Amino acid sequence: MNRDEREAALLNWGARSYHIEIKNGVVSHKTGRGPVAGARAMIETSGSIQRRLSATRLVLLGPFALAFLKSKDNRSLWLTIVGDTFEILAELPPKHEAQARQWATRFNNLAMSLAQQAGAL
């Protein structure tokens, strides 16, 4: 198993939870399909975490309520894979941001390596 095959195996292991498959140099998802070589993966975020003071906490805790603000998570995390002829867009759980960024870096390394190999042929 060469370096690119090992990298693809790692990518497939991480991509199962994102419903993305990489096989025979092709990346597939329900939103698109295309060659890995020359493609680029990006992680994009939107939204925010809102913190507010609730009346109940203020009454029960007094000034200590400031330490226990109520929070609401409105964030969303997106994986975008773009190639010359395709685009894949997958929504991911916001708590997986670090793992998704690592996956995108591995994908980009594999895509660059495959593009260089194709150029050498």
PDB file of N, CA and C in Angstrom:
ATOM      1  N   MET A   1       0.856  -1.172   0.000  1.00  0.00           N
ATOM      2  CA  MET A   1       0.000   0.000   0.000  1.00  0.00           C
ATOM      3  C   MET A   1       0.907   1.242   0.000  1.00  0.00           C
ATOM      4  N   ASN A   2       0.788   2.065  -1.047  1.00  0.00           N
ATOM      5  CA  ASN A   2       1.616   3.273  -1.114  1.00  0.00           C
ATOM      6  C   ASN A   2       1.020   4.390  -0.261  1.00  0.00           C
ATOM      7  N   ARG A   3       1.736   5.523  -0.230  1.00  0.00           N
ATOM      8  CA  ARG A   3       1.337   6.646   0.628  1.00  0.00           C
ATOM      9  C   ARG A   3      -0.064   7.162   0.280  1.00  0.00           C
ATOM     10  N   ASP A   4      -0.364   7.307  -1.014  1.00  0.00           N
ATOM     11  CA  ASP A   4      -1.669   7.818  -1.422  1.00  0.00           C
ATOM     12  C   ASP A   4      -2.801   6.861  -1.049  1.00  0.00           C
ATOM     13  N   GLU A   5      -2.549   5.564  -1.148  1.00  0.00           N
ATOM     14  CA  GLU A   5      -3.571   4.590  -0.766  1.00  0.00           C
ATOM     15  C   GLU A   5      -3.825   4.630   0.739  1.00  0.00           C
ATOM     16  N   ARG A   6      -2.744   4.798   1.524  1.00  0.00           N
ATOM     17  CA  ARG A   6      -2.909   4.916   2.979  1.00  0.00           C
ATOM     18  C   ARG A   6      -3.694   6.186   3.320  1.00  0.00           C
ATOM     19  N   GLU A   7      -3.365   7.278   2.626  1.00  0.00           N
ATOM     20  CA  GLU A   7      -4.064   8.550   2.870  1.00  0.00           C
ATOM     21  C   GLU A   7      -5.550   8.408   2.517  1.00  0.00           C
ATOM     22  N   ALA A   8      -5.857   7.753   1.393  1.00  0.00           N
ATOM     23  CA  ALA A   8      -7.254   7.543   0.997  1.00  0.00           C
ATOM     24  C   ALA A   8      -7.985   6.680   2.017  1.00  0.00           C
ATOM     25  N   ALA A   9      -7.295   5.662   2.566  1.00  0.00           N
ATOM     26  CA  ALA A   9      -7.918   4.812   3.581  1.00  0.00           C
ATOM     27  C   ALA A   9      -8.249   5.624   4.831  1.00  0.00           C
ATOM     28  N   LEU A  10      -7.340   6.495   5.256  1.00  0.00           N
ATOM     29  CA  LEU A  10      -7.603   7.360   6.404  1.00  0.00           C
ATOM     30  C   LEU A  10      -8.758   8.310   6.125  1.00  0.00           C
ATOM     31  N   LEU A  11      -8.800   8.851   4.923  1.00  0.00           N
ATOM     32  CA  LEU A  11      -9.878   9.763   4.556  1.00  0.00           C
ATOM     33  C   LEU A  11     -11.229   9.064   4.582  1.00  0.00           C
ATOM     34  N   ASN A  12     -11.285   7.860   4.044  1.00  0.00           N
ATOM     35  CA  ASN A  12     -12.552   7.114   4.047  1.00  0.00           C
ATOM     36  C   ASN A  12     -12.990   6.788   5.461  1.00  0.00           C
ATOM     37  N   TRP A  13     -12.037   6.475   6.341  1.00  0.00           N
ATOM     38  CA  TRP A  13     -12.384   6.183   7.724  1.00  0.00           C
ATOM     39  C   TRP A  13     -13.017   7.413   8.369  1.00  0.00           C
ATOM     40  N   GLY A  14     -12.458   8.604   8.148  1.00  0.00           N
ATOM     41  CA  GLY A  14     -13.002   9.817   8.734  1.00  0.00           C
ATOM     42  C   GLY A  14     -14.258  10.312   8.059  1.00  0.00           C
ATOM     43  N   ALA A  15     -14.445   9.966   6.792  1.00  0.00           N
ATOM     44  CA  ALA A  15     -15.555  10.510   6.014  1.00  0.00           C
ATOM     45  C   ALA A  15     -16.859   9.741   6.195  1.00  0.00           C
ATOM     46  N   ARG A  16     -16.818   8.580   6.796  1.00  0.00           N
ATOM     47  CA  ARG A  16     -18.048   7.798   6.941  1.00  0.00           C
ATOM     48  C   ARG A  16     -19.141   8.585   7.650  1.00  0.00           C
ATOM     49  N   SER A  17     -18.748   9.327   8.677  1.00  0.00           N
ATOM     50  CA  SER A  17     -19.769  10.091   9.406  1.00  0.00           C
ATOM     51  C   SER A  17     -20.277  11.271   8.589  1.00  0.00           C
ATOM     52  N   TYR A  18     -19.566  11.650   7.532  1.00  0.00           N
ATOM     53  CA  TYR A  18     -19.990  12.752   6.665  1.00  0.00           C
ATOM     54  C   TYR A  18     -20.689  12.222   5.405  1.00  0.00           C
ATOM     55  N   HIS A  19     -20.795  10.912   5.267  1.00  0.00           N
ATOM     56  CA  HIS A  19     -21.418  10.255   4.113  1.00  0.00           C
ATOM     57  C   HIS A  19     -20.682  10.603   2.815  1.00  0.00           C
ATOM     58  N   ILE A  20     -19.364  10.646   2.898  1.00  0.00           N
ATOM     59  CA  ILE A  20     -18.519  10.916   1.738  1.00  0.00           C
ATOM     60  C   ILE A  20     -17.681   9.678   1.477  1.00  0.00           C
ATOM     61  N   GLU A  21     -17.555   9.299   0.218  1.00  0.00           N
ATOM     62  CA  GLU A  21     -16.773   8.122  -0.148  1.00  0.00           C
ATOM     63  C   GLU A  21     -15.685   8.532  -1.138  1.00  0.00           C
ATOM     64  N   ILE A  22     -14.493   8.017  -0.905  1.00  0.00           N
ATOM     65  CA  ILE A  22     -13.378   8.238  -1.830  1.00  0.00           C
ATOM     66  C   ILE A  22     -12.938   6.865  -2.310  1.00  0.00           C
ATOM     67  N   LYS A  23     -13.063   6.649  -3.614  1.00  0.00           N
ATOM     68  CA  LYS A  23     -12.741   5.344  -4.177  1.00  0.00           C
ATOM     69  C   LYS A  23     -12.244   5.531  -5.601  1.00  0.00           C
ATOM     70  N   ASN A  24     -11.130   4.901  -5.915  1.00  0.00           N
ATOM     71  CA  ASN A  24     -10.550   4.952  -7.264  1.00  0.00           C
ATOM     72  C   ASN A  24     -10.346   6.380  -7.760  1.00  0.00           C
ATOM     73  N   GLY A  25      -9.906   7.249  -6.865  1.00  0.00           N
ATOM     74  CA  GLY A  25      -9.617   8.626  -7.259  1.00  0.00           C
ATOM     75  C   GLY A  25     -10.843   9.500  -7.461  1.00  0.00           C
ATOM     76  N   VAL A  26     -12.021   9.032  -7.003  1.00  0.00           N
ATOM     77  CA  VAL A  26     -13.263   9.793  -7.161  1.00  0.00           C
ATOM     78  C   VAL A  26     -13.889  10.007  -5.777  1.00  0.00           C
ATOM     79  N   VAL A  27     -14.303  11.235  -5.502  1.00  0.00           N
ATOM     80  CA  VAL A  27     -14.993  11.549  -4.262  1.00  0.00           C
ATOM     81  C   VAL A  27     -16.487  11.640  -4.562  1.00  0.00           C
ATOM     82  N   SER A  28     -17.294  10.983  -3.721  1.00  0.00           N
ATOM     83  CA  SER A  28     -18.744  10.930  -3.955  1.00  0.00           C
ATOM     84  C   SER A  28     -19.513  11.317  -2.703  1.00  0.00           C
ATOM     85  N   HIS A  29     -20.613  11.984  -2.917  1.00  0.00           N
ATOM     86  CA  HIS A  29     -21.557  12.377  -1.865  1.00  0.00           C
ATOM     87  C   HIS A  29     -22.904  12.537  -2.551  1.00  0.00           C
ATOM     88  N   LYS A  30     -23.984  12.566  -1.781  1.00  0.00           N
ATOM     89  CA  LYS A  30     -25.307  12.698  -2.401  1.00  0.00           C
ATOM     90  C   LYS A  30     -25.464  14.026  -3.144  1.00  0.00           C
ATOM     91  N   THR A  31     -24.615  15.036  -2.839  1.00  0.00           N
ATOM     92  CA  THR A  31     -24.728  16.334  -3.509  1.00  0.00           C
ATOM     93  C   THR A  31     -23.801  16.490  -4.710  1.00  0.00           C
ATOM     94  N   GLY A  32     -22.951  15.496  -4.971  1.00  0.00           N
ATOM     95  CA  GLY A  32     -22.059  15.607  -6.129  1.00  0.00           C
ATOM     96  C   GLY A  32     -21.021  14.509  -6.162  1.00  0.00           C
ATOM     97  N   ARG A  33     -20.276  14.514  -7.284  1.00  0.00           N
ATOM     98  CA  ARG A  33     -19.261  13.488  -7.494  1.00  0.00           C
ATOM     99  C   ARG A  33     -18.238  14.013  -8.481  1.00  0.00           C
ATOM    100  N   GLY A  34     -16.956  13.719  -8.227  1.00  0.00           N
ATOM    101  CA  GLY A  34     -15.917  14.159  -9.143  1.00  0.00           C
ATOM    102  C   GLY A  34     -14.552  13.647  -8.746  1.00  0.00           C
ATOM    103  N   PRO A  35     -13.548  13.932  -9.573  1.00  0.00           N
ATOM    104  CA  PRO A  35     -12.196  13.438  -9.304  1.00  0.00           C
ATOM    105  C   PRO A  35     -11.556  14.155  -8.106  1.00  0.00           C
ATOM    106  N   VAL A  36     -10.818  13.390  -7.320  1.00  0.00           N
ATOM    107  CA  VAL A  36     -10.108  13.951  -6.175  1.00  0.00           C
ATOM    108  C   VAL A  36      -8.968  14.849  -6.652  1.00  0.00           C
ATOM    109  N   ALA A  37      -8.262  14.414  -7.704  1.00  0.00           N
ATOM    110  CA  ALA A  37      -7.105  15.154  -8.198  1.00  0.00           C
ATOM    111  C   ALA A  37      -7.490  16.589  -8.565  1.00  0.00           C
ATOM    112  N   GLY A  38      -6.815  17.540  -7.951  1.00  0.00           N
ATOM    113  CA  GLY A  38      -7.071  18.943  -8.231  1.00  0.00           C
ATOM    114  C   GLY A  38      -8.232  19.552  -7.459  1.00  0.00           C
ATOM    115  N   ALA A  39      -8.963  18.757  -6.687  1.00  0.00           N
ATOM    116  CA  ALA A  39     -10.093  19.282  -5.907  1.00  0.00           C
ATOM    117  C   ALA A  39      -9.567  19.964  -4.647  1.00  0.00           C
ATOM    118  N   ARG A  40     -10.420  20.726  -4.009  1.00  0.00           N
ATOM    119  CA  ARG A  40     -10.040  21.458  -2.795  1.00  0.00           C
ATOM    120  C   ARG A  40     -11.172  21.356  -1.779  1.00  0.00           C
ATOM    121  N   ALA A  41     -10.829  20.968  -0.538  1.00  0.00           N
ATOM    122  CA  ALA A  41     -11.806  20.870   0.549  1.00  0.00           C
ATOM    123  C   ALA A  41     -11.642  22.061   1.483  1.00  0.00           C
ATOM    124  N   MET A  42     -12.777  22.624   1.906  1.00  0.00           N
ATOM    125  CA  MET A  42     -12.779  23.764   2.821  1.00  0.00           C
ATOM    126  C   MET A  42     -13.811  23.539   3.909  1.00  0.00           C
ATOM    127  N   ILE A  43     -13.521  24.029   5.092  1.00  0.00           N
ATOM    128  CA  ILE A  43     -14.458  23.989   6.201  1.00  0.00           C
ATOM    129  C   ILE A  43     -14.936  25.420   6.436  1.00  0.00           C
ATOM    130  N   GLU A  44     -16.242  25.599   6.440  1.00  0.00           N
ATOM    131  CA  GLU A  44     -16.824  26.929   6.624  1.00  0.00           C
ATOM    132  C   GLU A  44     -17.777  26.887   7.805  1.00  0.00           C
ATOM    133  N   THR A  45     -17.790  27.971   8.558  1.00  0.00           N
ATOM    134  CA  THR A  45     -18.671  28.058   9.716  1.00  0.00           C
ATOM    135  C   THR A  45     -19.587  29.261   9.573  1.00  0.00           C
ATOM    136  N   SER A  46     -20.718  29.182  10.232  1.00  0.00           N
ATOM    137  CA  SER A  46     -21.630  30.325  10.291  1.00  0.00           C
ATOM    138  C   SER A  46     -22.384  30.253  11.604  1.00  0.00           C
ATOM    139  N   GLY A  47     -22.932  31.372  12.003  1.00  0.00           N
ATOM    140  CA  GLY A  47     -23.710  31.412  13.237  1.00  0.00           C
ATOM    141  C   GLY A  47     -22.858  31.778  14.432  1.00  0.00           C
ATOM    142  N   SER A  48     -23.450  31.652  15.606  1.00  0.00           N
ATOM    143  CA  SER A  48     -22.758  32.017  16.840  1.00  0.00           C
ATOM    144  C   SER A  48     -23.398  31.310  18.022  1.00  0.00           C
ATOM    145  N   ILE A  49     -22.743  31.453  19.165  1.00  0.00           N
ATOM    146  CA  ILE A  49     -23.320  30.971  20.421  1.00  0.00           C
ATOM    147  C   ILE A  49     -23.826  32.200  21.158  1.00  0.00           C
ATOM    148  N   GLN A  50     -25.107  32.198  21.468  1.00  0.00           N
ATOM    149  CA  GLN A  50     -25.701  33.341  22.170  1.00  0.00           C
ATOM    150  C   GLN A  50     -25.795  33.016  23.652  1.00  0.00           C
ATOM    151  N   ARG A  51     -25.394  33.979  24.470  1.00  0.00           N
ATOM    152  CA  ARG A  51     -25.496  33.824  25.918  1.00  0.00           C
ATOM    153  C   ARG A  51     -26.395  34.928  26.457  1.00  0.00           C
ATOM    154  N   ARG A  52     -27.298  34.524  27.340  1.00  0.00           N
ATOM    155  CA  ARG A  52     -28.195  35.526  27.912  1.00  0.00           C
ATOM    156  C   ARG A  52     -28.475  35.186  29.368  1.00  0.00           C
ATOM    157  N   LEU A  53     -28.923  36.164  30.056  1.00  0.00           N
ATOM    158  CA  LEU A  53     -29.273  36.021  31.458  1.00  0.00           C
ATOM    159  C   LEU A  53     -30.770  35.766  31.552  1.00  0.00           C
ATOM    160  N   SER A  54     -31.157  34.652  32.168  1.00  0.00           N
ATOM    161  CA  SER A  54     -32.590  34.367  32.310  1.00  0.00           C
ATOM    162  C   SER A  54     -33.102  34.936  33.630  1.00  0.00           C
ATOM    163  N   ALA A  55     -34.363  35.333  33.652  1.00  0.00           N
ATOM    164  CA  ALA A  55     -34.981  35.918  34.844  1.00  0.00           C
ATOM    165  C   ALA A  55     -34.980  34.926  36.005  1.00  0.00           C
ATOM    166  N   THR A  56     -35.237  33.654  35.703  1.00  0.00           N
ATOM    167  CA  THR A  56     -35.273  32.633  36.748  1.00  0.00           C
ATOM    168  C   THR A  56     -33.914  32.524  37.430  1.00  0.00           C
ATOM    169  N   ARG A  57     -32.857  32.506  36.643  1.00  0.00           N
ATOM    170  CA  ARG A  57     -31.517  32.405  37.218  1.00  0.00           C
ATOM    171  C   ARG A  57     -31.173  33.640  38.035  1.00  0.00           C
ATOM    172  N   LEU A  58     -31.618  34.797  37.567  1.00  0.00           N
ATOM    173  CA  LEU A  58     -31.349  36.038  38.296  1.00  0.00           C
ATOM    174  C   LEU A  58     -32.034  36.017  39.665  1.00  0.00           C
ATOM    175  N   VAL A  59     -33.286  35.557  39.695  1.00  0.00           N
ATOM    176  CA  VAL A  59     -34.036  35.496  40.955  1.00  0.00           C
ATOM    177  C   VAL A  59     -33.411  34.467  41.894  1.00  0.00           C
ATOM    178  N   LEU A  60     -33.083  33.298  41.373  1.00  0.00           N
ATOM    179  CA  LEU A  60     -32.555  32.225  42.219  1.00  0.00           C
ATOM    180  C   LEU A  60     -31.112  32.460  42.663  1.00  0.00           C
ATOM    181  N   LEU A  61     -30.292  33.022  41.777  1.00  0.00           N
ATOM    182  CA  LEU A  61     -28.863  33.118  42.074  1.00  0.00           C
ATOM    183  C   LEU A  61     -28.378  34.527  42.390  1.00  0.00           C
ATOM    184  N   GLY A  62     -29.223  35.525  42.150  1.00  0.00           N
ATOM    185  CA  GLY A  62     -28.819  36.910  42.402  1.00  0.00           C
ATOM    186  C   GLY A  62     -27.636  37.289  41.522  1.00  0.00           C
ATOM    187  N   PRO A  63     -26.648  37.961  42.090  1.00  0.00           N
ATOM    188  CA  PRO A  63     -25.506  38.401  41.276  1.00  0.00           C
ATOM    189  C   PRO A  63     -24.662  37.239  40.728  1.00  0.00           C
ATOM    190  N   PHE A  64     -24.793  36.059  41.341  1.00  0.00           N
ATOM    191  CA  PHE A  64     -24.049  34.894  40.851  1.00  0.00           C
ATOM    192  C   PHE A  64     -24.611  34.365  39.530  1.00  0.00           C
ATOM    193  N   ALA A  65     -25.774  34.844  39.141  1.00  0.00           N
ATOM    194  CA  ALA A  65     -26.393  34.411  37.888  1.00  0.00           C
ATOM    195  C   ALA A  65     -25.517  34.754  36.682  1.00  0.00           C
ATOM    196  N   LEU A  66     -24.683  35.786  36.827  1.00  0.00           N
ATOM    197  CA  LEU A  66     -23.793  36.169  35.721  1.00  0.00           C
ATOM    198  C   LEU A  66     -22.802  35.057  35.376  1.00  0.00           C
ATOM    199  N   ALA A  67     -22.507  34.215  36.357  1.00  0.00           N
ATOM    200  CA  ALA A  67     -21.583  33.103  36.118  1.00  0.00           C
ATOM    201  C   ALA A  67     -22.266  31.930  35.416  1.00  0.00           C
ATOM    202  N   PHE A  68     -23.589  31.917  35.384  1.00  0.00           N
ATOM    203  CA  PHE A  68     -24.343  30.798  34.825  1.00  0.00           C
ATOM    204  C   PHE A  68     -25.302  31.277  33.737  1.00  0.00           C
ATOM    205  N   LEU A  69     -24.774  31.943  32.741  1.00  0.00           N
ATOM    206  CA  LEU A  69     -25.612  32.441  31.655  1.00  0.00           C
ATOM    207  C   LEU A  69     -26.162  31.279  30.831  1.00  0.00           C
ATOM    208  N   LYS A  70     -27.361  31.442  30.347  1.00  0.00           N
ATOM    209  CA  LYS A  70     -27.991  30.448  29.486  1.00  0.00           C
ATOM    210  C   LYS A  70     -27.431  30.631  28.077  1.00  0.00           C
ATOM    211  N   SER A  71     -27.061  29.532  27.434  1.00  0.00           N
ATOM    212  CA  SER A  71     -26.492  29.664  26.091  1.00  0.00           C
ATOM    213  C   SER A  71     -27.287  28.845  25.078  1.00  0.00           C
ATOM    214  N   LYS A  72     -27.293  29.342  23.863  1.00  0.00           N
ATOM    215  CA  LYS A  72     -27.962  28.675  22.750  1.00  0.00           C
ATOM    216  C   LYS A  72     -26.981  28.637  21.590  1.00  0.00           C
ATOM    217  N   ASP A  73     -26.759  27.444  21.046  1.00  0.00           N
ATOM    218  CA  ASP A  73     -25.788  27.254  19.978  1.00  0.00           C
ATOM    219  C   ASP A  73     -26.496  27.362  18.628  1.00  0.00           C
ATOM    220  N   ASN A  74     -26.200  28.415  17.878  1.00  0.00           N
ATOM    221  CA  ASN A  74     -26.778  28.617  16.545  1.00  0.00           C
ATOM    222  C   ASN A  74     -25.749  28.402  15.440  1.00  0.00           C
ATOM    223  N   ARG A  75     -24.662  27.711  15.763  1.00  0.00           N
ATOM    224  CA  ARG A  75     -23.603  27.531  14.774  1.00  0.00           C
ATOM    225  C   ARG A  75     -23.950  26.418  13.793  1.00  0.00           C
ATOM    226  N   SER A  76     -23.363  26.512  12.606  1.00  0.00           N
ATOM    227  CA  SER A  76     -23.422  25.416  11.649  1.00  0.00           C
ATOM    228  C   SER A  76     -22.046  25.288  11.014  1.00  0.00           C
ATOM    229  N   LEU A  77     -21.713  24.085  10.625  1.00  0.00           N
ATOM    230  CA  LEU A  77     -20.409  23.763  10.061  1.00  0.00           C
ATOM    231  C   LEU A  77     -20.624  23.084   8.721  1.00  0.00           C
ATOM    232  N   TRP A  78     -19.898  23.522   7.705  1.00  0.00           N
ATOM    233  CA  TRP A  78     -20.076  23.002   6.353  1.00  0.00           C
ATOM    234  C   TRP A  78     -18.754  22.540   5.774  1.00  0.00           C
ATOM    235  N   LEU A  79     -18.777  21.389   5.134  1.00  0.00           N
ATOM    236  CA  LEU A  79     -17.646  20.897   4.359  1.00  0.00           C
ATOM    237  C   LEU A  79     -17.974  21.136   2.897  1.00  0.00           C
ATOM    238  N   THR A  80     -17.106  21.866   2.215  1.00  0.00           N
ATOM    239  CA  THR A  80     -17.274  22.131   0.786  1.00  0.00           C
ATOM    240  C   THR A  80     -16.084  21.533   0.057  1.00  0.00           C
ATOM    241  N   ILE A  81     -16.350  20.719  -0.940  1.00  0.00           N
ATOM    242  CA  ILE A  81     -15.303  20.171  -1.799  1.00  0.00           C
ATOM    243  C   ILE A  81     -15.590  20.658  -3.203  1.00  0.00           C
ATOM    244  N   VAL A  82     -14.620  21.360  -3.786  1.00  0.00           N
ATOM    245  CA  VAL A  82     -14.813  21.972  -5.101  1.00  0.00           C
ATOM    246  C   VAL A  82     -13.768  21.438  -6.067  1.00  0.00           C
ATOM    247  N   GLY A  83     -14.247  21.017  -7.235  1.00  0.00           N
ATOM    248  CA  GLY A  83     -13.368  20.599  -8.321  1.00  0.00           C
ATOM    249  C   GLY A  83     -13.725  21.378  -9.575  1.00  0.00           C
ATOM    250  N   ASP A  84     -13.046  21.068 -10.674  1.00  0.00           N
ATOM    251  CA  ASP A  84     -13.314  21.777 -11.926  1.00  0.00           C
ATOM    252  C   ASP A  84     -14.738  21.568 -12.421  1.00  0.00           C
ATOM    253  N   THR A  85     -15.292  20.371 -12.189  1.00  0.00           N
ATOM    254  CA  THR A  85     -16.597  20.037 -12.766  1.00  0.00           C
ATOM    255  C   THR A  85     -17.669  19.691 -11.731  1.00  0.00           C
ATOM    256  N   PHE A  86     -17.357  19.877 -10.451  1.00  0.00           N
ATOM    257  CA  PHE A  86     -18.327  19.475  -9.419  1.00  0.00           C
ATOM    258  C   PHE A  86     -18.137  20.292  -8.150  1.00  0.00           C
ATOM    259  N   GLU A  87     -19.154  20.213  -7.296  1.00  0.00           N
ATOM    260  CA  GLU A  87     -19.096  20.809  -5.959  1.00  0.00           C
ATOM    261  C   GLU A  87     -19.890  19.929  -5.006  1.00  0.00           C
ATOM    262  N   ILE A  88     -19.319  19.657  -3.861  1.00  0.00           N
ATOM    263  CA  ILE A  88     -19.976  18.861  -2.829  1.00  0.00           C
ATOM    264  C   ILE A  88     -20.142  19.752  -1.607  1.00  0.00           C
ATOM    265  N   LEU A  89     -21.330  19.728  -1.015  1.00  0.00           N
ATOM    266  CA  LEU A  89     -21.611  20.511   0.180  1.00  0.00           C
ATOM    267  C   LEU A  89     -22.262  19.596   1.210  1.00  0.00           C
ATOM    268  N   ALA A  90     -21.632  19.478   2.381  1.00  0.00           N
ATOM    269  CA  ALA A  90     -22.158  18.600   3.423  1.00  0.00           C
ATOM    270  C   ALA A  90     -22.181  19.349   4.749  1.00  0.00           C
ATOM    271  N   GLU A  91     -23.321  19.301   5.446  1.00  0.00           N
ATOM    272  CA  GLU A  91     -23.418  19.921   6.763  1.00  0.00           C
ATOM    273  C   GLU A  91     -22.883  18.943   7.803  1.00  0.00           C
ATOM    274  N   LEU A  92     -22.066  19.468   8.725  1.00  0.00           N
ATOM    275  CA  LEU A  92     -21.444  18.651   9.753  1.00  0.00           C
ATOM    276  C   LEU A  92     -21.841  19.172  11.130  1.00  0.00           C
ATOM    277  N   PRO A  93     -21.758  18.317  12.149  1.00  0.00           N
ATOM    278  CA  PRO A  93     -22.031  18.788  13.511  1.00  0.00           C
ATOM    279  C   PRO A  93     -20.953  19.791  13.941  1.00  0.00           C
ATOM    280  N   PRO A  94     -21.318  20.939  14.498  1.00  0.00           N
ATOM    281  CA  PRO A  94     -20.331  21.949  14.898  1.00  0.00           C
ATOM    282  C   PRO A  94     -19.272  21.430  15.865  1.00  0.00           C
ATOM    283  N   LYS A  95     -19.622  20.455  16.681  1.00  0.00           N
ATOM    284  CA  LYS A  95     -18.651  19.936  17.648  1.00  0.00           C
ATOM    285  C   LYS A  95     -17.525  19.142  16.972  1.00  0.00           C
ATOM    286  N   HIS A  96     -17.658  18.828  15.686  1.00  0.00           N
ATOM    287  CA  HIS A  96     -16.631  18.081  14.950  1.00  0.00           C
ATOM    288  C   HIS A  96     -15.697  18.992  14.152  1.00  0.00           C
ATOM    289  N   GLU A  97     -15.660  20.275  14.477  1.00  0.00           N
ATOM    290  CA  GLU A  97     -14.883  21.215  13.667  1.00  0.00           C
ATOM    291  C   GLU A  97     -13.402  20.844  13.592  1.00  0.00           C
ATOM    292  N   ALA A  98     -12.769  20.523  14.697  1.00  0.00           N
ATOM    293  CA  ALA A  98     -11.337  20.183  14.688  1.00  0.00           C
ATOM    294  C   ALA A  98     -11.084  18.947  13.834  1.00  0.00           C
ATOM    295  N   GLN A  99     -11.907  17.918  14.009  1.00  0.00           N
ATOM    296  CA  GLN A  99     -11.760  16.685  13.238  1.00  0.00           C
ATOM    297  C   GLN A  99     -11.998  16.961  11.753  1.00  0.00           C
ATOM    298  N   ALA A 100     -12.980  17.781  11.426  1.00  0.00           N
ATOM    299  CA  ALA A 100     -13.287  18.101  10.031  1.00  0.00           C
ATOM    300  C   ALA A 100     -12.141  18.874   9.381  1.00  0.00           C
ATOM    301  N   ARG A 101     -11.526  19.779  10.114  1.00  0.00           N
ATOM    302  CA  ARG A 101     -10.394  20.535   9.564  1.00  0.00           C
ATOM    303  C   ARG A 101      -9.206  19.618   9.283  1.00  0.00           C
ATOM    304  N   GLN A 102      -8.961  18.658  10.165  1.00  0.00           N
ATOM    305  CA  GLN A 102      -7.899  17.681   9.921  1.00  0.00           C
ATOM    306  C   GLN A 102      -8.215  16.853   8.678  1.00  0.00           C
ATOM    307  N   TRP A 103      -9.462  16.443   8.557  1.00  0.00           N
ATOM    308  CA  TRP A 103      -9.874  15.656   7.396  1.00  0.00           C
ATOM    309  C   TRP A 103      -9.673  16.457   6.110  1.00  0.00           C
ATOM    310  N   ALA A 104     -10.068  17.732   6.111  1.00  0.00           N
ATOM    311  CA  ALA A 104      -9.928  18.585   4.926  1.00  0.00           C
ATOM    312  C   ALA A 104      -8.457  18.741   4.541  1.00  0.00           C
ATOM    313  N   THR A 105      -7.580  18.870   5.528  1.00  0.00           N
ATOM    314  CA  THR A 105      -6.142  18.967   5.245  1.00  0.00           C
ATOM    315  C   THR A 105      -5.636  17.699   4.593  1.00  0.00           C
ATOM    316  N   ARG A 106      -6.043  16.551   5.109  1.00  0.00           N
ATOM    317  CA  ARG A 106      -5.635  15.271   4.500  1.00  0.00           C
ATOM    318  C   ARG A 106      -6.175  15.150   3.072  1.00  0.00           C
ATOM    319  N   PHE A 107      -7.427  15.545   2.901  1.00  0.00           N
ATOM    320  CA  PHE A 107      -8.018  15.486   1.560  1.00  0.00           C
ATOM    321  C   PHE A 107      -7.230  16.367   0.591  1.00  0.00           C
ATOM    322  N   ASN A 108      -6.908  17.590   1.011  1.00  0.00           N
ATOM    323  CA  ASN A 108      -6.171  18.508   0.145  1.00  0.00           C
ATOM    324  C   ASN A 108      -4.784  17.974  -0.192  1.00  0.00           C
ATOM    325  N   ASN A 109      -4.121  17.337   0.782  1.00  0.00           N
ATOM    326  CA  ASN A 109      -2.814  16.730   0.510  1.00  0.00           C
ATOM    327  C   ASN A 109      -2.927  15.619  -0.523  1.00  0.00           C
ATOM    328  N   LEU A 110      -3.946  14.779  -0.371  1.00  0.00           N
ATOM    329  CA  LEU A 110      -4.159  13.695  -1.333  1.00  0.00           C
ATOM    330  C   LEU A 110      -4.497  14.252  -2.709  1.00  0.00           C
ATOM    331  N   ALA A 111      -5.357  15.257  -2.786  1.00  0.00           N
ATOM    332  CA  ALA A 111      -5.758  15.846  -4.062  1.00  0.00           C
ATOM    333  C   ALA A 111      -4.555  16.467  -4.781  1.00  0.00           C
ATOM    334  N   MET A 112      -3.684  17.123  -4.021  1.00  0.00           N
ATOM    335  CA  MET A 112      -2.502  17.742  -4.619  1.00  0.00           C
ATOM    336  C   MET A 112      -1.532  16.657  -5.117  1.00  0.00           C
ATOM    337  N   SER A 113      -1.369  15.613  -4.327  1.00  0.00           N
ATOM    338  CA  SER A 113      -0.493  14.525  -4.723  1.00  0.00           C
ATOM    339  C   SER A 113      -0.989  13.827  -5.988  1.00  0.00           C
ATOM    340  N   LEU A 114      -2.289  13.560  -6.061  1.00  0.00           N
ATOM    341  CA  LEU A 114      -2.860  12.918  -7.247  1.00  0.00           C
ATOM    342  C   LEU A 114      -2.764  13.829  -8.480  1.00  0.00           C
ATOM    343  N   ALA A 115      -2.934  15.122  -8.289  1.00  0.00           N
ATOM    344  CA  ALA A 115      -2.823  16.074  -9.405  1.00  0.00           C
ATOM    345  C   ALA A 115      -1.391  16.112  -9.920  1.00  0.00           C
ATOM    346  N   GLN A 116      -0.415  16.067  -9.024  1.00  0.00           N
ATOM    347  CA  GLN A 116       0.986  16.052  -9.439  1.00  0.00           C
ATOM    348  C   GLN A 116       1.323  14.776 -10.189  1.00  0.00           C
ATOM    349  N   GLN A 117       0.792  13.643  -9.721  1.00  0.00           N
ATOM    350  CA  GLN A 117       1.015  12.377 -10.411  1.00  0.00           C
ATOM    351  C   GLN A 117       0.395  12.393 -11.797  1.00  0.00           C
ATOM    352  N   ALA A 118      -0.785  12.956 -11.912  1.00  0.00           N
ATOM    353  CA  ALA A 118      -1.464  13.020 -13.215  1.00  0.00           C
ATOM    354  C   ALA A 118      -0.689  13.927 -14.166  1.00  0.00           C
ATOM    355  N   GLY A 119      -0.088  14.995 -13.645  1.00  0.00           N
ATOM    356  CA  GLY A 119       0.694  15.902 -14.469  1.00  0.00           C
ATOM    357  C   GLY A 119       1.989  15.273 -14.931  1.00  0.00           C
ATOM    358  N   ALA A 120       2.516  14.325 -14.148  1.00  0.00           N
ATOM    359  CA  ALA A 120       3.777  13.659 -14.489  1.00  0.00           C
ATOM    360  C   ALA A 120       3.583  12.572 -15.541  1.00  0.00           C
ATOM    361  N   LEU A 121       2.348  12.147 -15.743  1.00  0.00           N
ATOM    362  CA  LEU A 121       2.085  11.057 -16.705  1.00  0.00           C
ATOM    363  C   LEU A 121       2.105  11.513 -18.114  1.00  0.00           C
TER     364      LEU A 121
END
